[in-house]
C-alpha atoms as a PDB file:
ATOM      1  CA  MET A   1      15.125  98.474  44.374  1.00  0.00           C
ATOM      2  CA  ILE A   2      18.287  99.736  42.573  1.00  0.00           C
ATOM      3  CA  VAL A   3      18.396 100.083  39.291  1.00  0.00           C
ATOM      4  CA  THR A   4      21.854 100.191  37.600  1.00  0.00           C
ATOM      5  CA  ILE A   5      22.960 101.449  34.097  1.00  0.00           C
ATOM      6  CA  LEU A   6      25.855 100.045  32.543  1.00  0.00           C
ATOM      7  CA  GLY A   7      27.253 100.683  29.366  1.00  0.00           C
ATOM      8  CA  ALA A   8      31.044 100.814  29.204  1.00  0.00           C
ATOM      9  CA  ARG A   9      34.263  98.322  29.985  1.00  0.00           C
ATOM     10  CA  PRO A  10      35.113 100.182  32.984  1.00  0.00           C
ATOM     11  CA  GLN A  11      31.769 100.275  34.717  1.00  0.00           C
ATOM     12  CA  PHE A  12      31.442  96.473  34.171  1.00  0.00           C
ATOM     13  CA  ILE A  13      34.547  96.264  36.854  1.00  0.00           C
ATOM     14  CA  LYS A  14      32.834  98.363  39.255  1.00  0.00           C
ATOM     15  CA  ALA A  15      29.755  96.790  39.665  1.00  0.00           C
ATOM     16  CA  ALA A  16      31.150  93.330  39.700  1.00  0.00           C
ATOM     17  CA  ALA A  17      32.684  94.756  43.364  1.00  0.00           C
ATOM     18  CA  LEU A  18      29.127  97.111  44.335  1.00  0.00           C
ATOM     19  CA  SER A  19      26.690  94.680  43.410  1.00  0.00           C
ATOM     20  CA  LYS A  20      28.469  91.662  45.293  1.00  0.00           C
ATOM     21  CA  GLU A  21      28.185  93.885  48.234  1.00  0.00           C
ATOM     22  CA  LEU A  22      24.650  95.125  47.341  1.00  0.00           C
ATOM     23  CA  ALA A  23      23.632  91.295  47.556  1.00  0.00           C
ATOM     24  CA  LYS A  24      25.702  90.917  50.310  1.00  0.00           C
ATOM     25  CA  SER A  25      23.745  93.635  52.415  1.00  0.00           C
ATOM     26  CA  GLY A  26      20.464  92.813  50.968  1.00  0.00           C
ATOM     27  CA  ILE A  27      19.516  95.528  48.830  1.00  0.00           C
ATOM     28  CA  GLU A  28      17.744  94.329  45.510  1.00  0.00           C
ATOM     29  CA  GLU A  29      19.451  95.617  42.252  1.00  0.00           C
ATOM     30  CA  LYS A  30      18.362  95.424  38.737  1.00  0.00           C
ATOM     31  CA  ILE A  31      20.930  96.006  35.964  1.00  0.00           C
ATOM     32  CA  ILE A  32      20.508  97.891  32.240  1.00  0.00           C
ATOM     33  CA  HIS A  33      23.363  97.765  29.726  1.00  0.00           C
ATOM     34  CA  THR A  34      22.786 100.106  27.451  1.00  0.00           C
ATOM     35  CA  GLY A  35      24.760  98.502  25.008  1.00  0.00           C
ATOM     36  CA  GLN A  36      27.361 101.278  24.635  1.00  0.00           C
ATOM     37  CA  HIS A  37      29.932  98.445  24.749  1.00  0.00           C
ATOM     38  CA  TYR A  38      28.085  95.311  22.529  1.00  0.00           C
ATOM     39  CA  ASP A  39      31.536  93.820  20.871  1.00  0.00           C
ATOM     40  CA  PRO A  40      31.987  90.544  22.673  1.00  0.00           C
ATOM     41  CA  LYS A  41      35.181  90.970  24.024  1.00  0.00           C
ATOM     42  CA  MET A  42      34.311  94.277  25.913  1.00  0.00           C
ATOM     43  CA  SER A  43      31.051  93.150  27.232  1.00  0.00           C
ATOM     44  CA  ASP A  44      30.242  89.518  27.363  1.00  0.00           C
ATOM     45  CA  VAL A  45      33.599  88.403  28.508  1.00  0.00           C
ATOM     46  CA  PHE A  46      33.309  91.316  31.708  1.00  0.00           C
ATOM     47  CA  PHE A  47      29.815  89.702  32.769  1.00  0.00           C
ATOM     48  CA  LYS A  48      31.010  85.936  32.450  1.00  0.00           C
ATOM     49  CA  GLU A  49      33.994  86.150  34.297  1.00  0.00           C
ATOM     50  CA  LEU A  50      34.059  88.880  36.878  1.00  0.00           C
ATOM     51  CA  GLY A  51      30.426  87.530  38.075  1.00  0.00           C
ATOM     52  CA  ILE A  52      27.995  90.434  37.652  1.00  0.00           C
ATOM     53  CA  PRO A  53      24.850  89.677  38.105  1.00  0.00           C
ATOM     54  CA  GLY A  54      22.198  88.610  35.008  1.00  0.00           C
ATOM     55  CA  ILE A  55      21.002  91.533  33.166  1.00  0.00           C
ATOM     56  CA  ASP A  56      17.534  92.344  33.588  1.00  0.00           C
ATOM     57  CA  GLN A  57      17.613  94.057  30.618  1.00  0.00           C
ATOM     58  CA  ASN A  58      19.889  94.385  27.413  1.00  0.00           C
ATOM     59  CA  LEU A  59      18.901  97.670  25.425  1.00  0.00           C
ATOM     60  CA  HIS A  60      21.368  96.519  22.499  1.00  0.00           C
ATOM     61  CA  ILE A  61      22.055 100.625  21.464  1.00  0.00           C
ATOM     62  CA  GLY A  62      25.547 100.062  20.120  1.00  0.00           C
ATOM     63  CA  SER A  63      27.365 102.824  18.628  1.00  0.00           C
ATOM     64  CA  GLY A  64      26.830 106.267  16.599  1.00  0.00           C
ATOM     65  CA  ASN A  65      27.151 109.812  16.968  1.00  0.00           C
ATOM     66  CA  HIS A  66      26.723 111.259  20.676  1.00  0.00           C
ATOM     67  CA  GLY A  67      23.161 112.675  20.158  1.00  0.00           C
ATOM     68  CA  LYS A  68      21.900 109.734  18.350  1.00  0.00           C
ATOM     69  CA  GLN A  69      23.361 107.073  20.587  1.00  0.00           C
ATOM     70  CA  THR A  70      22.167 109.414  23.630  1.00  0.00           C
ATOM     71  CA  GLY A  71      18.712 110.079  22.825  1.00  0.00           C
ATOM     72  CA  GLU A  72      18.215 106.316  22.196  1.00  0.00           C
ATOM     73  CA  MET A  73      19.513 105.199  25.148  1.00  0.00           C
ATOM     74  CA  MET A  74      17.329 107.911  27.628  1.00  0.00           C
ATOM     75  CA  ILE A  75      14.176 106.789  25.247  1.00  0.00           C
ATOM     76  CA  SER A  76      14.911 102.918  26.387  1.00  0.00           C
ATOM     77  CA  ILE A  77      15.793 103.512  29.614  1.00  0.00           C
ATOM     78  CA  GLU A  78      12.433 105.702  30.068  1.00  0.00           C
ATOM     79  CA  LYS A  79      10.668 103.163  29.206  1.00  0.00           C
ATOM     80  CA  TYR A  80      11.886 100.643  31.651  1.00  0.00           C
ATOM     81  CA  LEU A  81      11.757 102.976  33.995  1.00  0.00           C
ATOM     82  CA  LEU A  82       8.139 104.135  33.785  1.00  0.00           C
ATOM     83  CA  GLU A  83       7.062 100.652  33.630  1.00  0.00           C
ATOM     84  CA  ASN A  84       8.929 100.008  36.933  1.00  0.00           C
ATOM     85  CA  LYS A  85       8.462 103.258  38.931  1.00  0.00           C
ATOM     86  CA  ASP A  86       6.914 101.972  42.060  1.00  0.00           C
ATOM     87  CA  LYS A  87       9.609  99.404  42.883  1.00  0.00           C
ATOM     88  CA  ILE A  88      12.331 101.957  42.049  1.00  0.00           C
ATOM     89  CA  ASN A  89      13.943 103.540  45.474  1.00  0.00           C
ATOM     90  CA  ALA A  90      17.410 105.371  42.823  1.00  0.00           C
ATOM     91  CA  VAL A  91      19.140 104.702  40.080  1.00  0.00           C
ATOM     92  CA  LEU A  92      22.709 104.453  39.990  1.00  0.00           C
ATOM     93  CA  VAL A  93      25.124 105.683  37.353  1.00  0.00           C
ATOM     94  CA  TYR A  94      28.561 105.239  36.700  1.00  0.00           C
ATOM     95  CA  GLY A  95      31.950 107.493  35.514  1.00  0.00           C
ATOM     96  CA  ASP A  96      31.206 109.782  32.637  1.00  0.00           C
ATOM     97  CA  THR A  97      29.674 107.841  29.648  1.00  0.00           C
ATOM     98  CA  ASN A  98      26.755 108.511  27.238  1.00  0.00           C
ATOM     99  CA  SER A  99      25.122 105.386  29.852  1.00  0.00           C
ATOM    100  CA  THR A 100      25.557 107.464  32.866  1.00  0.00           C
ATOM    101  CA  LEU A 101      24.543 110.900  31.216  1.00  0.00           C
ATOM    102  CA  SER A 102      20.868 108.957  30.261  1.00  0.00           C
ATOM    103  CA  GLY A 103      20.924 107.412  33.061  1.00  0.00           C
ATOM    104  CA  ALA A 104      20.926 110.330  35.139  1.00  0.00           C
ATOM    105  CA  ILE A 105      19.066 112.400  33.108  1.00  0.00           C
ATOM    106  CA  THR A 106      16.451 110.348  32.394  1.00  0.00           C
ATOM    107  CA  ALA A 107      15.616 109.247  36.268  1.00  0.00           C
ATOM    108  CA  SER A 108      16.103 113.059  37.389  1.00  0.00           C
ATOM    109  CA  LYS A 109      13.227 114.162  35.013  1.00  0.00           C
ATOM    110  CA  LEU A 110      10.915 111.384  36.140  1.00  0.00           C
ATOM    111  CA  HIS A 111      11.944 112.593  39.717  1.00  0.00           C
ATOM    112  CA  ILE A 112      14.159 109.189  40.460  1.00  0.00           C
ATOM    113  CA  PRO A 113      16.726 109.441  42.891  1.00  0.00           C
ATOM    114  CA  VAL A 114      19.984 109.848  41.006  1.00  0.00           C
ATOM    115  CA  ILE A 115      23.451 107.856  42.842  1.00  0.00           C
ATOM    116  CA  HIS A 116      26.686 109.005  41.022  1.00  0.00           C
ATOM    117  CA  VAL A 117      30.064 107.030  42.309  1.00  0.00           C
ATOM    118  CA  GLU A 118      32.620 108.421  40.888  1.00  0.00           C
ATOM    119  CA  ALA A 119      31.348 112.147  41.006  1.00  0.00           C
ATOM    120  CA  GLY A 120      33.636 115.269  41.117  1.00  0.00           C
ATOM    121  CA  LEU A 121      35.832 114.846  38.703  1.00  0.00           C
ATOM    122  CA  ARG A 122      37.186 117.262  36.165  1.00  0.00           C
ATOM    123  CA  SER A 123      39.222 117.652  33.527  1.00  0.00           C
ATOM    124  CA  PHE A 124      38.527 120.824  32.695  1.00  0.00           C
ATOM    125  CA  ASN A 125      38.611 120.753  29.182  1.00  0.00           C
ATOM    126  CA  LYS A 126      34.917 120.367  27.668  1.00  0.00           C
ATOM    127  CA  LEU A 127      36.278 119.042  24.121  1.00  0.00           C
ATOM    128  CA  MET A 128      36.056 115.959  26.185  1.00  0.00           C
ATOM    129  CA  PRO A 129      32.861 114.298  25.497  1.00  0.00           C
ATOM    130  CA  GLU A 130      33.546 111.995  29.344  1.00  0.00           C
ATOM    131  CA  GLU A 131      33.784 116.025  30.618  1.00  0.00           C
ATOM    132  CA  VAL A 132      30.648 116.907  29.754  1.00  0.00           C
ATOM    133  CA  ASN A 133      28.666 114.053  30.784  1.00  0.00           C
ATOM    134  CA  ARG A 134      30.120 113.704  34.031  1.00  0.00           C
ATOM    135  CA  ILE A 135      29.321 117.638  34.467  1.00  0.00           C
ATOM    136  CA  LEU A 136      25.537 117.584  33.911  1.00  0.00           C
ATOM    137  CA  THR A 137      25.361 114.159  35.835  1.00  0.00           C
ATOM    138  CA  ASP A 138      26.977 115.442  39.103  1.00  0.00           C
ATOM    139  CA  HIS A 139      24.098 118.485  39.145  1.00  0.00           C
ATOM    140  CA  VAL A 140      21.705 116.399  38.647  1.00  0.00           C
ATOM    141  CA  SER A 141      22.248 113.676  41.012  1.00  0.00           C
ATOM    142  CA  ASP A 142      20.861 113.377  44.722  1.00  0.00           C
ATOM    143  CA  TYR A 143      23.804 111.459  46.058  1.00  0.00           C
ATOM    144  CA  LEU A 144      27.652 111.878  45.246  1.00  0.00           C
ATOM    145  CA  PHE A 145      30.244 109.208  45.684  1.00  0.00           C
ATOM    146  CA  CYS A 146      33.829 110.888  45.399  1.00  0.00           C
ATOM    147  CA  SER A 147      37.084 109.053  44.925  1.00  0.00           C
ATOM    148  CA  SER A 148      39.057 111.648  46.967  1.00  0.00           C
ATOM    149  CA  GLN A 149      38.940 114.680  48.946  1.00  0.00           C
ATOM    150  CA  GLU A 150      39.539 116.592  45.557  1.00  0.00           C
ATOM    151  CA  GLY A 151      36.556 115.634  44.012  1.00  0.00           C
ATOM    152  CA  VAL A 152      34.076 116.887  46.950  1.00  0.00           C
ATOM    153  CA  SER A 153      36.160 120.276  46.960  1.00  0.00           C
ATOM    154  CA  GLN A 154      35.479 120.387  43.112  1.00  0.00           C
ATOM    155  CA  LEU A 155      31.505 119.839  43.936  1.00  0.00           C
ATOM    156  CA  LYS A 156      31.764 122.211  46.511  1.00  0.00           C
ATOM    157  CA  ARG A 157      33.068 125.128  44.089  1.00  0.00           C
ATOM    158  CA  GLU A 158      30.260 124.489  41.703  1.00  0.00           C
ATOM    159  CA  GLY A 159      27.420 124.966  44.705  1.00  0.00           C
ATOM    160  CA  ILE A 160      27.146 120.795  45.282  1.00  0.00           C
ATOM    161  CA  MET A 161      27.153 120.299  48.902  1.00  0.00           C
ATOM    162  CA  ASN A 162      24.436 118.138  50.155  1.00  0.00           C
ATOM    163  CA  GLY A 163      24.537 114.477  49.197  1.00  0.00           C
ATOM    164  CA  VAL A 164      28.380 114.367  48.810  1.00  0.00           C
ATOM    165  CA  TYR A 165      30.553 111.480  50.125  1.00  0.00           C
ATOM    166  CA  ASN A 166      34.330 110.826  50.261  1.00  0.00           C
ATOM    167  CA  VAL A 167      34.234 106.979  49.973  1.00  0.00           C
ATOM    168  CA  GLY A 168      37.475 106.371  48.398  1.00  0.00           C
ATOM    169  CA  ASP A 169      37.580 104.947  44.256  1.00  0.00           C
ATOM    170  CA  ILE A 170      35.630 101.871  43.679  1.00  0.00           C
ATOM    171  CA  MET A 171      38.055 100.709  41.448  1.00  0.00           C
ATOM    172  CA  LEU A 172      40.536  99.900  44.232  1.00  0.00           C
ATOM    173  CA  ASP A 173      38.051  97.855  45.634  1.00  0.00           C
ATOM    174  CA  ALA A 174      37.852  95.828  42.384  1.00  0.00           C
ATOM    175  CA  VAL A 175      42.022  95.229  41.562  1.00  0.00           C
ATOM    176  CA  ASN A 176      41.539  94.088  45.393  1.00  0.00           C
ATOM    177  CA  LEU A 177      39.437  91.987  44.487  1.00  0.00           C
ATOM    178  CA  PHE A 178      40.375  90.037  41.316  1.00  0.00           C
ATOM    179  CA  LEU A 179      44.363  91.127  41.187  1.00  0.00           C
ATOM    180  CA  PRO A 180      44.722  87.115  42.679  1.00  0.00           C
ATOM    181  CA  LYS A 181      42.704  85.923  39.761  1.00  0.00           C
ATOM    182  CA  ALA A 182      45.314  87.269  37.182  1.00  0.00           C
ATOM    183  CA  LYS A 183      45.703  85.449  34.520  1.00  0.00           C
ATOM    184  CA  LYS A 184      48.472  84.973  31.904  1.00  0.00           C
ATOM    185  CA  PRO A 185      47.017  85.517  27.884  1.00  0.00           C
ATOM    186  CA  GLU A 186      47.295  83.228  25.806  1.00  0.00           C
ATOM    187  CA  LEU A 187      49.504  85.721  22.963  1.00  0.00           C
ATOM    188  CA  ALA A 188      51.243  83.629  20.715  1.00  0.00           C
ATOM    189  CA  ASN A 189      54.229  82.880  22.578  1.00  0.00           C
ATOM    190  CA  PHE A 190      54.986  85.968  23.949  1.00  0.00           C
ATOM    191  CA  ASP A 191      57.618  85.706  26.952  1.00  0.00           C
ATOM    192  CA  PHE A 192      56.368  87.827  29.803  1.00  0.00           C
ATOM    193  CA  THR A 193      59.509  87.971  32.190  1.00  0.00           C
ATOM    194  CA  ILE A 194      60.903  90.658  29.476  1.00  0.00           C
ATOM    195  CA  LYS A 195      60.918  93.890  29.922  1.00  0.00           C
ATOM    196  CA  TYR A 196      58.030  95.427  27.969  1.00  0.00           C
ATOM    197  CA  ASN A 197      55.271  98.381  28.253  1.00  0.00           C
ATOM    198  CA  LEU A 198      51.551  98.386  28.191  1.00  0.00           C
ATOM    199  CA  ILE A 199      49.741 100.570  25.719  1.00  0.00           C
ATOM    200  CA  THR A 200      45.854 101.605  25.840  1.00  0.00           C
ATOM    201  CA  ILE A 201      45.744 104.356  23.160  1.00  0.00           C
ATOM    202  CA  HIS A 202      41.718 105.136  22.693  1.00  0.00           C
ATOM    203  CA  ARG A 203      40.570 108.675  22.788  1.00  0.00           C
ATOM    204  CA  PRO A 204      38.829 110.050  20.070  1.00  0.00           C
ATOM    205  CA  SER A 205      41.498 113.372  20.008  1.00  0.00           C
ATOM    206  CA  ASN A 206      43.923 110.871  19.958  1.00  0.00           C
ATOM    207  CA  THR A 207      42.828 108.223  17.474  1.00  0.00           C
ATOM    208  CA  ASP A 208      40.055 110.240  15.135  1.00  0.00           C
ATOM    209  CA  PHE A 209      43.173 111.998  13.429  1.00  0.00           C
ATOM    210  CA  LEU A 210      45.409 109.832  11.379  1.00  0.00           C
ATOM    211  CA  ASN A 211      48.678 112.550  11.577  1.00  0.00           C
ATOM    212  CA  VAL A 212      47.781 112.340  16.028  1.00  0.00           C
ATOM    213  CA  LEU A 213      48.491 108.512  15.699  1.00  0.00           C
ATOM    214  CA  GLN A 214      51.204 107.853  13.477  1.00  0.00           C
ATOM    215  CA  GLU A 215      52.646 110.776  15.348  1.00  0.00           C
ATOM    216  CA  ILE A 216      52.326 108.836  18.685  1.00  0.00           C
ATOM    217  CA  LEU A 217      53.179 105.405  17.458  1.00  0.00           C
ATOM    218  CA  ASN A 218      56.531 106.772  16.091  1.00  0.00           C
ATOM    219  CA  GLY A 219      56.845 107.980  19.280  1.00  0.00           C
ATOM    220  CA  ILE A 220      56.476 104.765  20.922  1.00  0.00           C
ATOM    221  CA  GLY A 221      58.290 102.932  17.835  1.00  0.00           C
ATOM    222  CA  ASP A 222      61.580 104.924  18.942  1.00  0.00           C
ATOM    223  CA  LEU A 223      61.209 103.092  22.696  1.00  0.00           C
ATOM    224  CA  PRO A 224      63.687 100.269  23.321  1.00  0.00           C
ATOM    225  CA  ASN A 225      61.131  97.877  24.745  1.00  0.00           C
ATOM    226  CA  LEU A 226      58.534  95.696  23.262  1.00  0.00           C
ATOM    227  CA  ASN A 227      55.246  97.395  23.850  1.00  0.00           C
ATOM    228  CA  ILE A 228      51.919  95.579  24.002  1.00  0.00           C
ATOM    229  CA  TRP A 229      49.036  97.283  22.480  1.00  0.00           C
ATOM    230  CA  PRO A 230      44.981  96.014  22.969  1.00  0.00           C
ATOM    231  CA  LEU A 231      43.607  97.366  20.236  1.00  0.00           C
ATOM    232  CA  HIS A 232      39.812  98.876  20.746  1.00  0.00           C
ATOM    233  CA  PRO A 233      37.640  97.387  18.573  1.00  0.00           C
ATOM    234  CA  ARG A 234      36.863 101.182  17.062  1.00  0.00           C
ATOM    235  CA  ASN A 235      40.043 101.711  15.919  1.00  0.00           C
ATOM    236  CA  LYS A 236      40.345  98.365  13.874  1.00  0.00           C
ATOM    237  CA  SER A 237      40.030 100.196  11.140  1.00  0.00           C
ATOM    238  CA  THR A 238      42.116 103.365  11.862  1.00  0.00           C
ATOM    239  CA  ILE A 239      45.206 100.622  12.191  1.00  0.00           C
ATOM    240  CA  SER A 240      45.186  99.588   9.022  1.00  0.00           C
ATOM    241  CA  LYS A 241      46.018 102.889   7.151  1.00  0.00           C
ATOM    242  CA  LEU A 242      49.199 103.444   9.467  1.00  0.00           C
ATOM    243  CA  ASN A 243      52.756 102.413   9.875  1.00  0.00           C
ATOM    244  CA  VAL A 244      52.736 100.178  13.148  1.00  0.00           C
ATOM    245  CA  PRO A 245      56.549 100.419  14.322  1.00  0.00           C
ATOM    246  CA  LYS A 246      57.814  96.577  15.046  1.00  0.00           C
ATOM    247  CA  ASN A 247      58.212  97.046  18.636  1.00  0.00           C
ATOM    248  CA  ILE A 248      54.073  97.278  19.104  1.00  0.00           C
ATOM    249  CA  LEU A 249      52.670  94.059  19.226  1.00  0.00           C
ATOM    250  CA  ILE A 250      48.761  94.643  18.233  1.00  0.00           C
ATOM    251  CA  CYS A 251      46.337  91.972  19.880  1.00  0.00           C
ATOM    252  CA  ASP A 252      42.836  92.003  20.665  1.00  0.00           C
ATOM    253  CA  PRO A 253      41.699  93.280  23.931  1.00  0.00           C
ATOM    254  CA  PHE A 254      42.123  91.492  27.239  1.00  0.00           C
ATOM    255  CA  SER A 255      39.286  90.199  29.446  1.00  0.00           C
ATOM    256  CA  TYR A 256      39.590  92.413  33.255  1.00  0.00           C
ATOM    257  CA  PHE A 257      41.825  89.532  34.264  1.00  0.00           C
ATOM    258  CA  GLU A 258      44.002  88.982  31.711  1.00  0.00           C
ATOM    259  CA  MET A 259      44.473  92.844  31.492  1.00  0.00           C
ATOM    260  CA  LEU A 260      45.399  92.806  35.427  1.00  0.00           C
ATOM    261  CA  PHE A 261      48.661  89.842  34.408  1.00  0.00           C
ATOM    262  CA  VAL A 262      49.835  92.251  31.843  1.00  0.00           C
ATOM    263  CA  LEU A 263      49.917  95.169  33.998  1.00  0.00           C
ATOM    264  CA  LYS A 264      50.774  93.602  36.836  1.00  0.00           C
ATOM    265  CA  ASN A 265      54.453  92.617  34.713  1.00  0.00           C
ATOM    266  CA  CYS A 266      54.795  95.247  32.624  1.00  0.00           C
ATOM    267  CA  TYR A 267      58.014  98.080  32.902  1.00  0.00           C
ATOM    268  CA  LYS A 268      55.646 101.100  32.376  1.00  0.00           C
ATOM    269  CA  VAL A 269      52.196 101.996  31.218  1.00  0.00           C
ATOM    270  CA  LEU A 270      51.164 104.556  27.955  1.00  0.00           C
ATOM    271  CA  THR A 271      47.826 105.408  27.629  1.00  0.00           C
ATOM    272  CA  ASP A 272      45.778 107.612  27.599  1.00  0.00           C
ATOM    273  CA  SER A 273      43.022 105.546  29.746  1.00  0.00           C
ATOM    274  CA  GLY A 274      41.459 107.067  32.788  1.00  0.00           C
ATOM    275  CA  GLY A 275      40.935 104.043  34.707  1.00  0.00           C
ATOM    276  CA  LEU A 276      44.383 102.571  33.457  1.00  0.00           C
ATOM    277  CA  GLN A 277      46.565 105.457  35.443  1.00  0.00           C
ATOM    278  CA  LYS A 278      44.893 104.737  38.571  1.00  0.00           C
ATOM    279  CA  GLU A 279      45.943 101.257  38.014  1.00  0.00           C
ATOM    280  CA  ALA A 280      49.066 101.972  37.559  1.00  0.00           C
ATOM    281  CA  TYR A 281      49.831 103.580  40.306  1.00  0.00           C
ATOM    282  CA  TRP A 282      48.235 101.090  42.508  1.00  0.00           C
ATOM    283  CA  LEU A 283      50.489  98.215  41.389  1.00  0.00           C
ATOM    284  CA  LYS A 284      53.583 101.118  41.367  1.00  0.00           C
ATOM    285  CA  LYS A 285      54.084 101.091  37.585  1.00  0.00           C
ATOM    286  CA  PRO A 286      55.224 104.672  35.876  1.00  0.00           C
ATOM    287  CA  CYS A 287      52.528 105.544  33.880  1.00  0.00           C
ATOM    288  CA  ILE A 288      52.906 108.413  30.816  1.00  0.00           C
ATOM    289  CA  THR A 289      49.382 109.620  30.042  1.00  0.00           C
ATOM    290  CA  ILE A 290      49.390 110.961  26.416  1.00  0.00           C
ATOM    291  CA  ARG A 291      46.681 114.167  27.400  1.00  0.00           C
ATOM    292  CA  PRO A 292      47.317 117.403  27.871  1.00  0.00           C
ATOM    293  CA  GLN A 293      45.660 116.633  31.223  1.00  0.00           C
ATOM    294  CA  THR A 294      43.897 114.556  33.779  1.00  0.00           C
ATOM    295  CA  GLU A 295      41.089 114.055  36.104  1.00  0.00           C
ATOM    296  CA  TRP A 296      43.415 111.872  38.226  1.00  0.00           C
ATOM    297  CA  ILE A 297      45.769 114.450  39.841  1.00  0.00           C
ATOM    298  CA  GLU A 298      47.287 113.407  42.941  1.00  0.00           C
ATOM    299  CA  THR A 299      48.857 110.623  40.880  1.00  0.00           C
ATOM    300  CA  LEU A 300      50.701 113.128  39.396  1.00  0.00           C
ATOM    301  CA  ASP A 301      53.033 113.645  42.471  1.00  0.00           C
ATOM    302  CA  ASN A 302      56.277 112.306  42.765  1.00  0.00           C
ATOM    303  CA  ASN A 303      56.170 111.962  38.643  1.00  0.00           C
ATOM    304  CA  TRP A 304      54.366 108.369  39.109  1.00  0.00           C
ATOM    305  CA  ASN A 305      52.241 109.581  37.004  1.00  0.00           C
ATOM    306  CA  GLN A 306      53.588 112.019  33.850  1.00  0.00           C
ATOM    307  CA  LEU A 307      51.686 113.876  31.217  1.00  0.00           C
ATOM    308  CA  CYS A 308      52.571 114.052  27.317  1.00  0.00           C
ATOM    309  CA  LYS A 309      51.567 115.436  24.569  1.00  0.00           C
ATOM    310  CA  PRO A 310      51.130 113.156  21.301  1.00  0.00           C
ATOM    311  CA  ASP A 311      54.676 113.987  20.239  1.00  0.00           C
ATOM    312  CA  ARG A 312      57.062 111.572  19.073  1.00  0.00           C
ATOM    313  CA  ILE A 313      60.368 113.635  20.484  1.00  0.00           C
ATOM    314  CA  GLU A 314      58.052 114.348  23.615  1.00  0.00           C
ATOM    315  CA  ILE A 315      57.015 110.894  23.996  1.00  0.00           C
ATOM    316  CA  ASN A 316      60.999 109.519  23.691  1.00  0.00           C
ATOM    317  CA  LYS A 317      62.230 112.068  26.403  1.00  0.00           C
ATOM    318  CA  ILE A 318      59.943 111.629  28.866  1.00  0.00           C
ATOM    319  CA  PHE A 319      60.397 108.188  28.585  1.00  0.00           C
ATOM    320  CA  GLN A 320      63.976 108.360  28.775  1.00  0.00           C
ATOM    321  CA  ASN A 321      64.671 110.788  30.922  1.00  0.00           C
ATOM    322  CA  ASP A 322      62.745 109.027  33.922  1.00  0.00           C
ATOM    323  CA  PRO A 323      62.990 110.828  36.953  1.00  0.00           C
ATOM    324  CA  LYS A 324      63.068 109.381  40.276  1.00  0.00           C
ATOM    325  CA  ARG A 325      59.935 108.606  42.123  1.00  0.00           C
ATOM    326  CA  TYR A 326      61.263 109.617  46.118  1.00  0.00           C
ATOM    327  CA  SER A 327      57.774 107.906  47.647  1.00  0.00           C
ATOM    328  CA  TRP A 328      54.556 106.542  46.967  1.00  0.00           C
ATOM    329  CA  LYS A 329      51.632 107.030  49.163  1.00  0.00           C
ATOM    330  CA  GLU A 330      48.226 105.436  49.632  1.00  0.00           C
ATOM    331  CA  LEU A 331      45.758 107.213  47.543  1.00  0.00           C
ATOM    332  CA  TYR A 332      41.916 106.829  46.750  1.00  0.00           C
ATOM    333  CA  GLY A 333      40.930 105.000  50.289  1.00  0.00           C
ATOM    334  CA  GLN A 334      41.879 101.705  51.560  1.00  0.00           C
ATOM    335  CA  GLY A 335      40.053  99.558  49.403  1.00  0.00           C
ATOM    336  CA  ASN A 336      36.712  99.510  51.256  1.00  0.00           C
ATOM    337  CA  SER A 337      34.498 101.907  49.050  1.00  0.00           C
ATOM    338  CA  CYS A 338      32.098  99.192  48.533  1.00  0.00           C
ATOM    339  CA  ALA A 339      31.103  99.068  51.507  1.00  0.00           C
ATOM    340  CA  LYS A 340      30.953 102.302  52.534  1.00  0.00           C
ATOM    341  CA  ILE A 341      28.533 103.868  49.741  1.00  0.00           C
ATOM    342  CA  VAL A 342      26.294 100.338  50.341  1.00  0.00           C
ATOM    343  CA  THR A 343      26.212 102.020  54.607  1.00  0.00           C
ATOM    344  CA  HIS A 344      25.509 105.217  52.610  1.00  0.00           C
ATOM    345  CA  LEU A 345      22.757 103.436  50.732  1.00  0.00           C
ATOM    346  CA  LYS A 346      20.618 101.943  53.326  1.00  0.00           C
ATOM    347  CA  GLU A 347      20.841 105.264  55.027  1.00  0.00           C
ATOM    348  CA  PHE A 348      19.031 106.962  52.160  1.00  0.00           C
ATOM    349  CA  LEU A 349      16.985 103.528  51.353  1.00  0.00           C
END
């Protein structure tokens, strides 16, 4: 039996694709939801919409400072693993959240093999909590599934060579699987045929400092198009203290099917998210990443993705001085990552 640890929206999407493949192959899976994302629009709707199998246990940890949140997760995960240890073959974690780290460290301490999906990513910025999480998770994992050869090479540079596999990106599986189900949001008479941009801004480095976030909003306010911003729940109180330009339409978070529709029909993407950079690339949408670096360095080729400081002038300059994109190539596999992962898992188990 595999125990999968989930906690955040991107992990729900990845699990939706892999859990289907696990069930098809006959591998038993139990899911623990840490409750890291607990708002119904960031959690419940995804399980219903994506058809993720029932949760075996919801830990209801919720938000909090990193140490408190991670510690409480580890206590609850350890209790579950100890109670079921005789039946557990491995613990599977996705990505780089506090839920990821909590599951990996707890399983490792109990000598349960750890499977890390989306291993080997590096932004080389340890001010990002995600960077610390992914480094530590990789170094306690037994089976590491990378999205590209770059991830494999990075792990080798860090001395990790055993149990490392380039299987492509599981998010591409999810996009291919669910894009036909993309659903138009009910958004107050909004005309999705106009030229609009999609915004997602949620990184603490951009949202925890009012002057930084206001500078980003001012830069977006200078753009000629309307901009849709599905607001992360943690930013609701912050945004009320700022001046939001008239060309920014703030709305509730979209479901995954709605997000795919909005992305598919937008003009450009402005984001600080990791996953959306890849999704924009796969759907051939120019992306401006409001961060000094990206884990997905391959998307920078031919300016499909451009890095940008959280600066009003920079945002406007990069958006307006649109470079030619000479070519687009297939990145992160062919959309069969889940099948490759399951093949390897059946060998291990």
